[in-house]
Amino acid sequence: MLLTIGKERRITEIPLVQIRPCRTQARQNFSNEQLKELALSIRQNGILQPITVRKISLFEYELVAGERRLRAAAMCGKAKVPCIVVSCTDQQASIYSMTENLQRTDLNFFEEAEGINMLMHYCGITQQEAAHRLGKRQSTIANKLRVLKLTRDERAIILKAHLTERHARALLKVDDITERRILLSEIIEKNMNVSQAERHIDEFINRQRLQKYQTQKRTIIIKDIRIFENTIKRAINTMRMSGIKAISTQSENESYIEYTVRIPKSKSDSSDLTA
């Protein structure tokens, strides 16, 4: 993508009040400490790398790249900042801004995933095309986007606990949000590394599968027992309809169910029995 620098002046001083934020900023969190350090450096040495903006009206510019420098300049009381004014469309500016941010190393992995997702959505491109623009493999892009399946609350907890992207992806093996939250709490409480967390999650999944299998097995057994019970009842009813007054009794304990069926040997015995 080619951005054309304005011909009148390559670098110009622009008042901060005339620069509005970028609409497609990938970064969500800015460290106050780092901004203070940058502000101190700007106060002492000035802004060494100009901010990139584009003109959107007679007295208004939109930030394309350099939000940290812009914020730090405001913190140290600068009224104006040196800018490079580029000429580009809305889409070109958004692509440049997102790409510039995504190529930085200090974005957290959730911000990076949000930025990639925004780039794809805004530009209408595929994962493969996004990978080409960012110089990454398509599988890498796919893995990074997976963490967006976690809720906002989960992401905040993960970042606060300084867990890694691999921790986050491991949690995605569990679909249930409540179960994920319990596992996340256990991982943080026990200060698990990635390997420990993955093993803990796998063990949880295996226990869940075993419980599900045992439940299904019990259900099948209960259904089979009911079939047998119905068969016995039908047999007794058939005998009774034939004039044989058969009697059945049932008892059960933890190990088994016991049926006793009494069938009279003669009609006289049958007449003495009551159903």
Protein backbone atom coordinates (compact mmCIF):
# COMPACT_ATOMS: atom_id res chain seq x y z
CA MET A 1 0.00 0.00 0.00
CA LEU A 2 1.39 3.42 -0.97
CA LEU A 3 0.76 6.48 1.20
CA THR A 4 1.65 9.78 -0.43
CA ILE A 5 3.31 12.45 1.70
CA GLY A 6 1.98 15.96 1.21
CA LYS A 7 4.05 18.00 -1.19
CA GLU A 8 3.88 21.34 0.62
CA ARG A 9 5.85 20.29 3.69
CA ARG A 10 7.12 16.86 4.55
CA ILE A 11 6.97 17.59 8.31
CA THR A 12 4.68 20.15 9.92
CA GLU A 13 3.87 21.24 13.46
CA ILE A 14 0.17 20.58 14.19
CA PRO A 15 -1.74 21.59 17.36
CA LEU A 16 -2.81 18.57 19.44
CA VAL A 17 -6.38 19.87 19.57
CA GLN A 18 -6.64 19.43 15.80
CA ILE A 19 -5.68 15.74 15.86
CA ARG A 20 -8.42 13.23 16.53
CA PRO A 21 -7.81 9.56 17.54
CA CYS A 22 -7.55 6.72 15.06
CA ARG A 23 -10.84 4.79 14.74
CA THR A 24 -9.16 1.42 14.28
CA GLN A 25 -6.58 1.45 17.07
CA ALA A 26 -5.58 -2.12 17.94
CA ARG A 27 -4.01 -1.17 21.27
CA GLN A 28 -6.46 -1.05 24.16
CA ASN A 29 -4.09 -0.60 27.12
CA PHE A 30 -1.42 2.03 27.56
CA SER A 31 0.99 1.73 30.47
CA ASN A 32 0.98 4.95 32.51
CA GLU A 33 4.53 4.31 33.66
CA GLN A 34 5.79 3.88 30.11
CA LEU A 35 3.87 6.97 28.98
CA LYS A 36 5.45 8.97 31.82
CA GLU A 37 8.91 7.77 30.78
CA LEU A 38 8.21 8.69 27.16
CA ALA A 39 6.82 12.07 28.23
CA LEU A 40 10.02 12.77 30.19
CA SER A 41 12.11 11.84 27.15
CA ILE A 42 10.01 14.11 24.91
CA ARG A 43 10.35 16.98 27.40
CA GLN A 44 14.13 16.60 27.35
CA ASN A 45 14.78 15.63 23.73
CA GLY A 46 11.64 16.44 21.79
CA ILE A 47 9.75 14.02 19.50
CA LEU A 48 12.44 12.29 17.45
CA GLN A 49 10.01 10.36 15.23
CA PRO A 50 7.17 12.47 13.76
CA ILE A 51 3.56 11.36 14.15
CA THR A 52 1.73 10.26 11.02
CA VAL A 53 -1.64 11.91 10.33
CA ARG A 54 -3.97 12.55 7.41
CA LYS A 55 -6.03 15.63 6.74
CA ILE A 56 -9.79 15.12 6.99
CA SER A 57 -11.03 18.73 6.98
CA LEU A 58 -9.70 22.27 6.81
CA PHE A 59 -8.55 22.31 10.45
CA GLU A 60 -8.74 18.68 11.46
CA TYR A 61 -6.42 15.69 11.14
CA GLU A 62 -6.82 12.01 11.97
CA LEU A 63 -4.05 10.05 13.66
CA VAL A 64 -2.67 7.27 11.49
CA ALA A 65 0.31 6.12 13.59
CA GLY A 66 1.99 7.30 16.80
CA GLU A 67 -0.69 7.37 19.51
CA ARG A 68 1.79 6.71 22.33
CA ARG A 69 3.90 9.67 21.23
CA LEU A 70 0.76 11.82 20.94
CA ARG A 71 -0.43 10.89 24.45
CA ALA A 72 3.02 11.40 25.95
CA ALA A 73 3.31 14.81 24.25
CA ALA A 74 0.00 15.81 25.81
CA MET A 75 1.21 14.60 29.23
CA CYS A 76 4.27 16.82 29.13
CA GLY A 77 2.25 19.86 28.06
CA LYS A 78 3.13 20.08 24.38
CA ALA A 79 0.72 22.22 22.41
CA LYS A 80 1.99 21.11 19.00
CA VAL A 81 3.65 17.96 17.64
CA PRO A 82 5.73 17.34 14.48
CA CYS A 83 3.69 15.38 11.95
CA ILE A 84 4.03 13.78 8.57
CA VAL A 85 0.81 14.38 6.65
CA VAL A 86 -0.09 11.54 4.31
CA SER A 87 -2.70 11.42 1.59
CA CYS A 88 -4.82 8.28 1.68
CA THR A 89 -8.36 6.96 1.72
CA ASP A 90 -10.22 5.91 4.88
CA GLN A 91 -9.47 2.26 4.16
CA GLN A 92 -5.79 2.87 3.40
CA ALA A 93 -5.38 4.83 6.63
CA SER A 94 -7.07 2.10 8.65
CA ILE A 95 -4.96 -0.63 7.06
CA TYR A 96 -1.75 1.33 7.63
CA SER A 97 -2.68 2.09 11.25
CA MET A 98 -3.65 -1.48 12.07
CA THR A 99 -0.65 -2.97 10.30
CA GLU A 100 1.75 -0.55 11.99
CA ASN A 101 0.33 -1.46 15.41
CA LEU A 102 0.28 -5.19 14.75
CA GLN A 103 3.94 -5.16 13.77
CA ARG A 104 4.88 -3.75 17.18
CA THR A 105 6.12 -6.20 19.81
CA ASP A 106 4.46 -4.63 22.88
CA LEU A 107 0.82 -5.40 22.07
CA ASN A 108 -0.65 -8.04 24.35
CA PHE A 109 -1.91 -11.13 22.51
CA PHE A 110 -5.59 -10.19 22.94
CA GLU A 111 -4.97 -6.75 21.42
CA GLU A 112 -3.07 -8.40 18.58
CA ALA A 113 -5.96 -10.80 17.92
CA GLU A 114 -8.47 -7.92 18.04
CA GLY A 115 -6.34 -5.96 15.60
CA ILE A 116 -6.08 -8.88 13.16
CA ASN A 117 -9.82 -9.46 13.40
CA MET A 118 -10.46 -5.76 12.80
CA LEU A 119 -8.11 -5.74 9.82
CA MET A 120 -9.89 -8.71 8.23
CA HIS A 121 -13.36 -7.31 8.92
CA TYR A 122 -12.65 -3.73 7.85
CA CYS A 123 -10.78 -4.69 4.70
CA GLY A 124 -12.88 -7.74 3.81
CA ILE A 125 -9.85 -10.04 3.57
CA THR A 126 -9.28 -13.69 4.50
CA GLN A 127 -6.93 -15.12 7.10
CA GLN A 128 -4.53 -16.04 4.31
CA GLU A 129 -4.50 -12.46 2.98
CA ALA A 130 -4.05 -11.06 6.50
CA ALA A 131 -1.15 -13.45 7.06
CA HIS A 132 0.48 -12.26 3.81
CA ARG A 133 0.16 -8.59 4.80
CA LEU A 134 1.55 -9.17 8.28
CA GLY A 135 4.33 -11.53 7.19
CA LYS A 136 2.99 -14.46 9.24
CA ARG A 137 1.80 -17.98 8.46
CA GLN A 138 -1.93 -18.58 8.08
CA SER A 139 -1.87 -21.15 10.88
CA THR A 140 -0.32 -18.54 13.18
CA ILE A 141 -3.09 -16.08 12.39
CA ALA A 142 -5.75 -18.78 12.98
CA ASN A 143 -4.25 -19.65 16.38
CA LYS A 144 -4.07 -16.00 17.42
CA LEU A 145 -7.72 -15.40 16.53
CA ARG A 146 -8.87 -18.39 18.61
CA VAL A 147 -8.30 -16.52 21.89
CA LEU A 148 -11.15 -14.15 21.00
CA LYS A 149 -13.55 -16.98 21.89
CA LEU A 150 -12.79 -16.23 25.54
CA THR A 151 -15.08 -13.74 27.27
CA ARG A 152 -13.97 -10.19 28.07
CA ASP A 153 -13.89 -11.06 31.78
CA GLU A 154 -11.71 -14.12 31.14
CA ARG A 155 -9.31 -12.05 29.06
CA ALA A 156 -9.00 -9.44 31.80
CA ILE A 157 -8.27 -12.12 34.43
CA ILE A 158 -5.68 -13.79 32.17
CA LEU A 159 -3.84 -10.51 31.55
CA LYS A 160 -3.96 -9.50 35.21
CA ALA A 161 -2.45 -12.87 36.18
CA HIS A 162 0.26 -12.48 33.47
CA LEU A 163 -0.69 -15.78 31.83
CA THR A 164 0.47 -16.51 28.28
CA GLU A 165 -1.29 -16.98 24.96
CA ARG A 166 -0.75 -20.74 25.30
CA HIS A 167 -2.53 -20.69 28.67
CA ALA A 168 -5.45 -18.96 26.98
CA ARG A 169 -5.59 -21.41 24.07
CA ALA A 170 -5.43 -24.39 26.45
CA LEU A 171 -8.55 -23.14 28.24
CA LEU A 172 -10.45 -23.20 24.94
CA LYS A 173 -10.48 -27.01 25.11
CA VAL A 174 -13.35 -26.54 27.58
CA ASP A 175 -16.58 -25.15 26.09
CA ASP A 176 -18.49 -24.47 29.31
CA ILE A 177 -17.77 -20.94 30.60
CA THR A 178 -18.36 -21.85 34.26
CA GLU A 179 -15.99 -24.82 34.05
CA ARG A 180 -13.40 -22.66 32.28
CA ARG A 181 -13.60 -20.06 35.04
CA ILE A 182 -13.02 -22.72 37.72
CA LEU A 183 -10.02 -24.09 35.81
CA LEU A 184 -8.64 -20.59 35.29
CA SER A 185 -8.88 -19.88 39.02
CA GLU A 186 -7.08 -23.15 39.82
CA ILE A 187 -4.31 -22.40 37.30
CA ILE A 188 -3.74 -18.96 38.80
CA GLU A 189 -3.99 -20.15 42.41
CA LYS A 190 -1.44 -22.91 41.85
CA ASN A 191 0.77 -20.72 39.64
CA MET A 192 0.84 -23.34 36.89
CA ASN A 193 3.16 -23.00 33.91
CA VAL A 194 1.85 -23.85 30.44
CA SER A 195 2.67 -27.58 30.61
CA GLN A 196 1.09 -27.92 34.05
CA ALA A 197 -2.01 -26.01 32.96
CA GLU A 198 -2.42 -28.12 29.80
CA ARG A 199 -2.06 -31.33 31.82
CA HIS A 200 -4.54 -30.07 34.46
CA ILE A 201 -7.09 -29.21 31.76
CA ASP A 202 -6.62 -32.56 29.98
CA GLU A 203 -7.14 -34.43 33.26
CA PHE A 204 -10.32 -32.45 33.87
CA ILE A 205 -11.61 -33.26 30.37
CA ASN A 206 -10.82 -36.97 30.83
CA ARG A 207 -12.70 -37.01 34.16
CA GLN A 208 -15.67 -35.35 32.47
CA ARG A 209 -15.64 -37.92 29.68
CA LEU A 210 -15.44 -40.80 32.18
CA GLN A 211 -18.35 -39.40 34.20
CA LYS A 212 -20.36 -38.96 31.01
CA TYR A 213 -19.61 -42.54 29.94
CA GLN A 214 -20.58 -43.92 33.35
CA THR A 215 -23.80 -41.91 33.32
CA GLN A 216 -24.65 -43.17 29.84
CA LYS A 217 -23.83 -46.73 30.90
CA ARG A 218 -26.11 -46.48 33.96
CA THR A 219 -28.85 -45.05 31.76
CA ILE A 220 -28.53 -47.97 29.33
CA ILE A 221 -28.62 -50.50 32.19
CA ILE A 222 -31.70 -48.85 33.70
CA LYS A 223 -33.42 -48.92 30.31
CA ASP A 224 -32.52 -52.60 29.88
CA ILE A 225 -33.89 -53.43 33.35
CA ARG A 226 -37.14 -51.67 32.51
CA ILE A 227 -37.43 -53.75 29.34
CA PHE A 228 -36.98 -56.93 31.41
CA GLU A 229 -39.50 -55.70 33.98
CA ASN A 230 -42.05 -55.04 31.26
CA THR A 231 -41.40 -58.48 29.76
CA ILE A 232 -42.07 -60.13 33.15
CA LYS A 233 -45.23 -58.08 33.68
CA ARG A 234 -46.54 -58.95 30.21
CA ALA A 235 -45.84 -62.66 30.83
CA ILE A 236 -47.73 -62.58 34.15
CA ASN A 237 -50.64 -60.68 32.59
CA THR A 238 -50.78 -63.24 29.76
CA MET A 239 -50.97 -66.08 32.30
CA ARG A 240 -53.69 -64.32 34.28
CA MET A 241 -55.72 -63.73 31.11
CA SER A 242 -55.42 -67.49 30.51
CA GLY A 243 -56.87 -68.22 33.94
CA ILE A 244 -53.57 -68.89 35.69
CA LYS A 245 -53.35 -66.72 38.74
CA ALA A 246 -49.61 -66.16 38.77
CA ILE A 247 -48.15 -63.98 41.48
CA SER A 248 -44.92 -61.98 41.29
CA THR A 249 -42.93 -60.33 44.05
CA GLN A 250 -39.95 -58.01 43.78
CA SER A 251 -37.11 -57.08 46.09
CA GLU A 252 -33.88 -55.22 45.49
CA ASN A 253 -30.66 -54.19 47.18
CA GLU A 254 -27.52 -52.32 46.09
CA SER A 255 -26.27 -55.31 44.07
CA TYR A 256 -29.33 -56.69 42.31
CA ILE A 257 -33.10 -56.75 41.75
CA GLU A 258 -34.84 -60.06 42.52
CA TYR A 259 -38.16 -61.20 41.01
CA THR A 260 -40.10 -64.21 42.32
CA VAL A 261 -42.97 -65.58 40.23
CA ARG A 262 -45.36 -68.20 41.70
CA ILE A 263 -47.28 -70.25 39.17
CA PRO A 264 -49.88 -72.70 40.54
CA LYS A 265 -49.54 -76.30 39.31
CA SER A 266 -53.30 -76.97 39.14
CA LYS A 267 -56.57 -75.10 38.74
CA SER A 268 -57.45 -75.80 42.36
CA ASP A 269 -54.20 -74.17 43.46
CA SER A 270 -54.92 -71.34 41.09
CA SER A 271 -58.36 -70.76 42.58
CA ASP A 272 -56.86 -70.47 46.05
CA LEU A 273 -54.38 -67.77 45.01
CA THR A 274 -55.15 -64.10 44.76
CA ALA A 275 -53.36 -61.77 42.43
